[in-house]
Amino acid sequence: MADERSATAEAQRIAKLRAFFARYVAYTGAVREPRIEAAFASVPREPFAGPRPWFIRVASPWRRGPERSGYIETPDADPAFLYQDVLIALDSARGINIGEPSLHARCLDCVGVQPGETVLQIGAGSGYYTAILATLAGPEGRVYAYEIDPALAERATSNLGPWPQAKVMARSGTTDPLPKADIVYVNAGISHPSVNWLEALHPGGRLLFPLQAETTHGGMLLVEKPQDDGSSWPARFISRASFIACQTEQNAELGRDLVAAFQRGDIESVQSIRFDGEPDDSCWLDAGSWWLSTAPP
């Protein structure tokens, strides 16, 4: 009986930690949709973080060079260490983490996953944000989670048993074929939107991805496919961001142009992405086959 009471008390403590964590990251991410806070409150982080030791990524504004960022080990397996707005290492040697919760809360709010929608997630990791996407899409929805790392894909598949609407695809999410989807949610940095992502979107669909050079910071670009499938689409940056690089061909020259564009600090001015015509005075970034404009679509 004492053991049962202890287990009940521990379950209540963890539920309280998770509820506060969900409220915290929703507030920090300026979330408007209550379902997102509820999803963070309902999905446990422990299975996705894996067994101890857990390593939390930290960055110091007062350190310089290689010591500016690194990992610290939690002293024990208390789940309280996981229910904070922190990055949790999946592979610290390669810098692969479960990403920052408040950033993902903001991203999920902006991309607007609705019940019954189909989502392509590029870069599933161990499946934590896949589970949240699946919770938002609901039992009638579908999440195809692409993970190119075989070991991580295996972990994600095991972790996502409680969410049968999520299916892990152990391969690249940048190549053919991709199923048609309402949302493409990308968790790996890339210098350009994949043509396959754009073509996979239904009219009215949304693509959210970290537009960045391979080894530096960039921004989360939200692109909406118009109903008429025209050549000028709504696009805007919703946040600064830095993700591990997508394992696909990157454009080094475009990456240098991206670094210069982000250094200007005017990402809020972008309003559209154009796929034809010569760049005009509204051009924020000329990528050759496409360009970002400060003019509305």
Protein backbone atom coordinates (compact mmCIF):
# COMPACT_ATOMS: atom_id res chain seq x y z
CA MET A 1 0.00 0.00 0.00
CA ALA A 2 2.84 2.37 0.86
CA ASP A 3 4.45 1.65 -2.51
CA GLU A 4 1.18 2.43 -4.30
CA ARG A 5 0.84 5.74 -2.45
CA SER A 6 4.44 6.60 -3.29
CA ALA A 7 3.89 5.79 -6.99
CA THR A 8 0.72 7.88 -7.05
CA ALA A 9 2.47 10.81 -5.41
CA GLU A 10 5.34 10.59 -7.91
CA ALA A 11 2.92 10.46 -10.86
CA GLN A 12 1.13 13.53 -9.51
CA ARG A 13 4.45 15.35 -9.07
CA ILE A 14 5.51 14.63 -12.65
CA ALA A 15 2.10 15.67 -14.00
CA LYS A 16 2.46 18.96 -12.13
CA LEU A 17 5.99 19.46 -13.52
CA ARG A 18 4.77 18.76 -17.06
CA ALA A 19 1.78 21.10 -16.75
CA PHE A 20 3.99 23.97 -15.52
CA PHE A 21 6.55 23.23 -18.23
CA ALA A 22 3.79 23.36 -20.88
CA ARG A 23 2.49 26.67 -19.57
CA TYR A 24 6.00 28.10 -19.43
CA VAL A 25 6.99 27.19 -23.00
CA ALA A 26 3.60 28.27 -24.38
CA TYR A 27 3.96 31.68 -22.73
CA THR A 28 7.59 32.06 -23.82
CA GLY A 29 6.68 31.05 -27.39
CA ALA A 30 3.79 33.58 -27.50
CA VAL A 31 1.39 30.72 -28.26
CA ARG A 32 -2.24 31.61 -29.01
CA GLU A 33 -3.67 28.12 -29.58
CA PRO A 34 -4.59 26.37 -26.28
CA ARG A 35 -4.23 22.91 -27.84
CA ILE A 36 -0.46 23.42 -28.04
CA GLU A 37 -0.06 23.91 -24.30
CA ALA A 38 -2.29 20.88 -23.78
CA ALA A 39 -0.13 18.79 -26.14
CA PHE A 40 3.08 19.70 -24.29
CA ALA A 41 1.35 18.88 -21.01
CA SER A 42 0.24 15.46 -22.24
CA VAL A 43 3.43 14.15 -23.92
CA PRO A 44 6.11 12.84 -21.53
CA ARG A 45 9.72 13.75 -22.36
CA GLU A 46 11.32 10.86 -20.48
CA PRO A 47 11.02 8.14 -23.18
CA PHE A 48 12.37 10.47 -25.85
CA ALA A 49 15.33 11.65 -23.75
CA GLY A 50 16.34 8.04 -23.21
CA PRO A 51 18.18 6.55 -20.22
CA ARG A 52 20.52 8.51 -18.02
CA PRO A 53 22.95 10.14 -18.17
CA TRP A 54 21.05 13.10 -19.62
CA PHE A 55 23.10 15.96 -21.01
CA ILE A 56 21.62 19.45 -21.23
CA ARG A 57 23.01 21.91 -23.76
CA VAL A 58 24.02 25.28 -22.34
CA ALA A 59 25.39 28.47 -23.89
CA SER A 60 27.05 31.29 -21.98
CA PRO A 61 26.94 34.91 -23.21
CA TRP A 62 30.14 35.59 -21.22
CA ARG A 63 32.28 32.78 -22.62
CA ARG A 64 34.06 32.90 -25.96
CA GLY A 65 35.38 30.34 -28.42
CA PRO A 66 34.81 26.61 -28.02
CA GLU A 67 33.84 27.07 -24.35
CA ARG A 68 30.87 29.30 -25.17
CA SER A 69 28.54 26.31 -25.41
CA GLY A 70 28.60 22.73 -24.23
CA TYR A 71 26.73 20.11 -22.23
CA ILE A 72 26.26 19.54 -18.52
CA GLU A 73 25.18 16.21 -17.05
CA THR A 74 22.17 15.94 -14.77
CA PRO A 75 23.06 14.57 -11.32
CA ASP A 76 20.35 11.90 -11.37
CA ALA A 77 17.27 10.70 -13.26
CA ASP A 78 14.77 13.12 -11.71
CA PRO A 79 12.38 14.08 -14.57
CA ALA A 80 12.38 17.64 -13.20
CA PHE A 81 15.60 18.20 -15.15
CA LEU A 82 13.78 17.43 -18.41
CA TYR A 83 10.80 19.72 -17.84
CA GLN A 84 12.68 22.93 -18.52
CA ASP A 85 13.06 25.05 -21.65
CA VAL A 86 16.32 23.35 -22.59
CA LEU A 87 17.88 21.26 -25.35
CA ILE A 88 18.50 17.63 -24.42
CA ALA A 89 21.33 15.77 -26.13
CA LEU A 90 20.53 12.77 -28.30
CA ASP A 91 24.10 12.62 -29.59
CA SER A 92 26.28 15.28 -27.95
CA ALA A 93 29.30 14.41 -30.10
CA ARG A 94 27.39 15.39 -33.24
CA GLY A 95 25.37 18.17 -31.63
CA ILE A 96 22.03 16.39 -32.17
CA ASN A 97 19.45 17.44 -29.59
CA ILE A 98 15.77 17.43 -28.73
CA GLY A 99 15.25 21.07 -29.71
CA GLU A 100 14.23 24.06 -27.61
CA PRO A 101 10.60 23.61 -26.48
CA SER A 102 9.59 27.28 -26.56
CA LEU A 103 10.87 27.66 -30.14
CA HIS A 104 8.90 24.61 -31.23
CA ALA A 105 5.83 25.85 -29.35
CA ARG A 106 6.02 29.08 -31.38
CA CYS A 107 6.62 27.18 -34.61
CA LEU A 108 3.68 24.86 -34.01
CA ASP A 109 1.43 27.80 -33.20
CA CYS A 110 2.40 29.61 -36.40
CA VAL A 111 2.10 26.57 -38.68
CA GLY A 112 -1.33 25.77 -37.25
CA VAL A 113 -1.67 21.98 -37.26
CA GLN A 114 -5.38 21.12 -37.38
CA PRO A 115 -7.11 17.85 -36.44
CA GLY A 116 -7.19 15.45 -39.37
CA GLU A 117 -4.32 17.08 -41.29
CA THR A 118 -1.35 15.26 -42.79
CA VAL A 119 2.10 16.41 -41.66
CA LEU A 120 5.55 15.61 -43.04
CA GLN A 121 8.23 16.08 -40.40
CA ILE A 122 11.79 16.28 -41.70
CA GLY A 123 14.24 15.31 -38.95
CA ALA A 124 12.33 13.34 -36.32
CA GLY A 125 15.20 12.65 -33.92
CA SER A 126 13.88 10.37 -31.17
CA GLY A 127 10.31 11.42 -31.94
CA TYR A 128 9.40 13.93 -29.19
CA TYR A 129 8.05 16.64 -31.49
CA THR A 130 6.60 13.91 -33.72
CA ALA A 131 4.44 12.90 -30.75
CA ILE A 132 3.33 16.50 -30.24
CA LEU A 133 2.54 16.86 -33.96
CA ALA A 134 0.55 13.60 -33.80
CA THR A 135 -1.34 14.86 -30.74
CA LEU A 136 -2.28 18.05 -32.58
CA ALA A 137 -3.26 16.19 -35.77
CA GLY A 138 -5.36 13.79 -33.71
CA PRO A 139 -6.31 10.18 -34.39
CA GLU A 140 -7.78 11.10 -37.78
CA GLY A 141 -4.59 12.86 -38.84
CA ARG A 142 -1.32 11.45 -40.13
CA VAL A 143 2.32 12.28 -39.41
CA TYR A 144 5.11 10.93 -41.63
CA ALA A 145 8.33 11.48 -39.68
CA TYR A 146 11.53 11.26 -41.75
CA GLU A 147 14.77 10.46 -39.94
CA ILE A 148 17.91 9.68 -41.93
CA ASP A 149 19.92 8.36 -38.95
CA PRO A 150 19.07 4.64 -38.59
CA ALA A 151 19.62 4.49 -34.81
CA LEU A 152 17.46 7.55 -34.16
CA ALA A 153 14.78 6.25 -36.54
CA GLU A 154 14.70 3.01 -34.57
CA ARG A 155 14.38 4.89 -31.28
CA ALA A 156 11.61 7.09 -32.66
CA THR A 157 9.68 4.07 -33.93
CA SER A 158 9.83 2.47 -30.48
CA ASN A 159 8.90 5.69 -28.68
CA LEU A 160 5.89 6.47 -30.88
CA GLY A 161 3.90 3.32 -30.15
CA PRO A 162 1.19 5.28 -28.29
CA TRP A 163 0.64 7.46 -31.39
CA PRO A 164 -0.39 5.06 -34.20
CA GLN A 165 -1.14 8.01 -36.50
CA ALA A 166 2.65 8.67 -36.65
CA LYS A 167 4.86 6.62 -38.96
CA VAL A 168 8.65 6.86 -38.97
CA MET A 169 10.36 6.78 -42.37
CA ALA A 170 14.02 5.77 -41.96
CA ARG A 171 15.37 7.75 -44.90
CA SER A 172 15.97 11.26 -46.19
CA GLY A 173 12.97 13.56 -46.28
CA THR A 174 14.32 15.65 -49.15
CA THR A 175 13.99 13.10 -51.96
CA ASP A 176 11.15 11.52 -53.94
CA PRO A 177 8.63 10.24 -53.29
CA LEU A 178 6.89 12.27 -50.60
CA PRO A 179 3.18 11.93 -49.82
CA LYS A 180 0.91 14.92 -50.28
CA ALA A 181 0.55 16.90 -47.08
CA ASP A 182 -1.05 19.90 -45.45
CA ILE A 183 2.13 20.77 -43.55
CA VAL A 184 5.86 20.19 -44.00
CA TYR A 185 7.64 20.78 -40.68
CA VAL A 186 11.42 20.79 -41.03
CA ASN A 187 13.82 20.35 -38.11
CA ALA A 188 17.14 20.63 -39.97
CA GLY A 189 18.79 23.75 -41.41
CA ILE A 190 19.06 24.18 -45.15
CA SER A 191 20.13 26.92 -47.57
CA HIS A 192 17.04 26.53 -49.77
CA PRO A 193 13.57 24.99 -49.69
CA SER A 194 13.51 21.52 -51.24
CA VAL A 195 11.47 21.36 -54.43
CA ASN A 196 10.01 18.10 -53.11
CA TRP A 197 8.64 19.87 -50.04
CA LEU A 198 6.99 22.55 -52.15
CA GLU A 199 5.48 19.98 -54.51
CA ALA A 200 4.20 17.84 -51.63
CA LEU A 201 2.01 20.65 -50.27
CA HIS A 202 -1.70 20.71 -50.93
CA PRO A 203 -3.05 24.14 -51.99
CA GLY A 204 -3.35 26.09 -48.76
CA GLY A 205 -0.57 23.98 -47.21
CA ARG A 206 2.24 25.37 -45.07
CA LEU A 207 5.99 24.77 -45.10
CA LEU A 208 8.06 25.79 -42.08
CA PHE A 209 11.83 25.30 -42.23
CA PRO A 210 15.09 26.78 -40.88
CA LEU A 211 16.58 28.80 -43.75
CA GLN A 212 20.25 29.08 -42.88
CA ALA A 213 23.79 28.56 -44.04
CA GLU A 214 25.22 25.19 -43.10
CA THR A 215 27.18 26.17 -39.98
CA THR A 216 25.53 29.34 -38.67
CA HIS A 217 22.27 30.93 -37.56
CA GLY A 218 19.28 31.69 -39.73
CA GLY A 219 15.52 32.00 -39.38
CA MET A 220 12.36 29.90 -39.40
CA LEU A 221 10.62 30.72 -42.69
CA LEU A 222 6.89 30.03 -42.96
CA VAL A 223 5.72 29.58 -46.56
CA GLU A 224 2.07 29.17 -47.56
CA LYS A 225 1.05 27.59 -50.85
CA PRO A 226 -1.75 29.61 -52.46
CA GLN A 227 -4.95 27.96 -53.63
CA ASP A 228 -4.19 28.92 -57.23
CA ASP A 229 -0.63 27.50 -57.04
CA GLY A 230 0.73 30.77 -58.45
CA SER A 231 4.34 31.91 -58.61
CA SER A 232 4.21 34.32 -55.64
CA TRP A 233 3.51 32.79 -52.22
CA PRO A 234 3.09 34.37 -48.78
CA ALA A 235 6.26 33.92 -46.71
CA ARG A 236 7.52 35.37 -43.44
CA PHE A 237 10.13 34.71 -40.80
CA ILE A 238 8.65 33.81 -37.44
CA SER A 239 11.86 33.53 -35.44
CA ARG A 240 15.62 33.44 -35.52
CA ALA A 241 16.88 29.87 -35.33
CA SER A 242 19.90 27.58 -35.56
CA PHE A 243 19.48 23.89 -36.38
CA ILE A 244 21.82 21.05 -37.19
CA ALA A 245 22.37 20.99 -40.96
CA CYS A 246 20.07 18.92 -43.13
CA GLN A 247 21.92 15.94 -44.64
CA THR A 248 21.41 16.95 -48.26
CA GLU A 249 23.16 19.10 -50.82
CA GLN A 250 23.70 22.62 -49.51
CA ASN A 251 24.43 25.72 -51.60
CA ALA A 252 27.62 27.26 -50.18
CA GLU A 253 27.39 30.44 -52.30
CA LEU A 254 23.80 31.01 -51.28
CA GLY A 255 24.85 30.31 -47.70
CA ARG A 256 27.23 33.27 -47.80
CA ASP A 257 24.44 35.48 -49.14
CA LEU A 258 22.18 34.25 -46.33
CA VAL A 259 24.76 35.17 -43.70
CA ALA A 260 24.94 38.71 -45.11
CA ALA A 261 21.15 38.99 -45.31
CA PHE A 262 20.62 37.91 -41.71
CA GLN A 263 23.34 40.26 -40.52
CA ARG A 264 21.22 43.17 -41.79
CA GLY A 265 18.68 42.37 -39.09
CA ASP A 266 15.53 43.12 -41.11
CA ILE A 267 13.99 39.65 -41.34
CA GLU A 268 10.57 41.00 -40.29
CA SER A 269 10.31 42.82 -43.62
CA VAL A 270 10.00 39.63 -45.72
CA GLN A 271 6.44 39.05 -47.00
CA SER A 272 6.66 36.68 -49.95
CA ILE A 273 8.68 34.12 -51.88
CA ARG A 274 8.77 34.47 -55.69
CA PHE A 275 9.47 31.70 -58.19
CA ASP A 276 9.57 33.74 -61.40
CA GLY A 277 10.38 37.22 -62.65
CA GLU A 278 13.48 39.29 -62.12
CA PRO A 279 14.18 40.45 -58.55
CA ASP A 280 13.15 44.08 -58.10
CA ASP A 281 13.80 46.72 -55.43
CA SER A 282 11.80 44.66 -52.92
CA CYS A 283 14.28 41.77 -53.10
CA TRP A 284 15.54 40.65 -49.68
CA LEU A 285 17.47 37.62 -50.99
CA ASP A 286 18.14 36.57 -54.58
CA ALA A 287 18.57 32.79 -54.70
CA GLY A 288 18.51 32.46 -58.49
CA SER A 289 15.52 30.18 -59.11
CA TRP A 290 13.57 31.90 -56.30
CA TRP A 291 13.80 35.07 -54.28
CA LEU A 292 12.43 36.56 -51.09
CA SER A 293 10.61 39.87 -51.32
CA THR A 294 9.57 42.55 -48.86
CA ALA A 295 6.45 43.13 -50.95
CA PRO A 296 3.22 41.18 -50.35
CA PRO A 297 2.42 38.34 -52.78
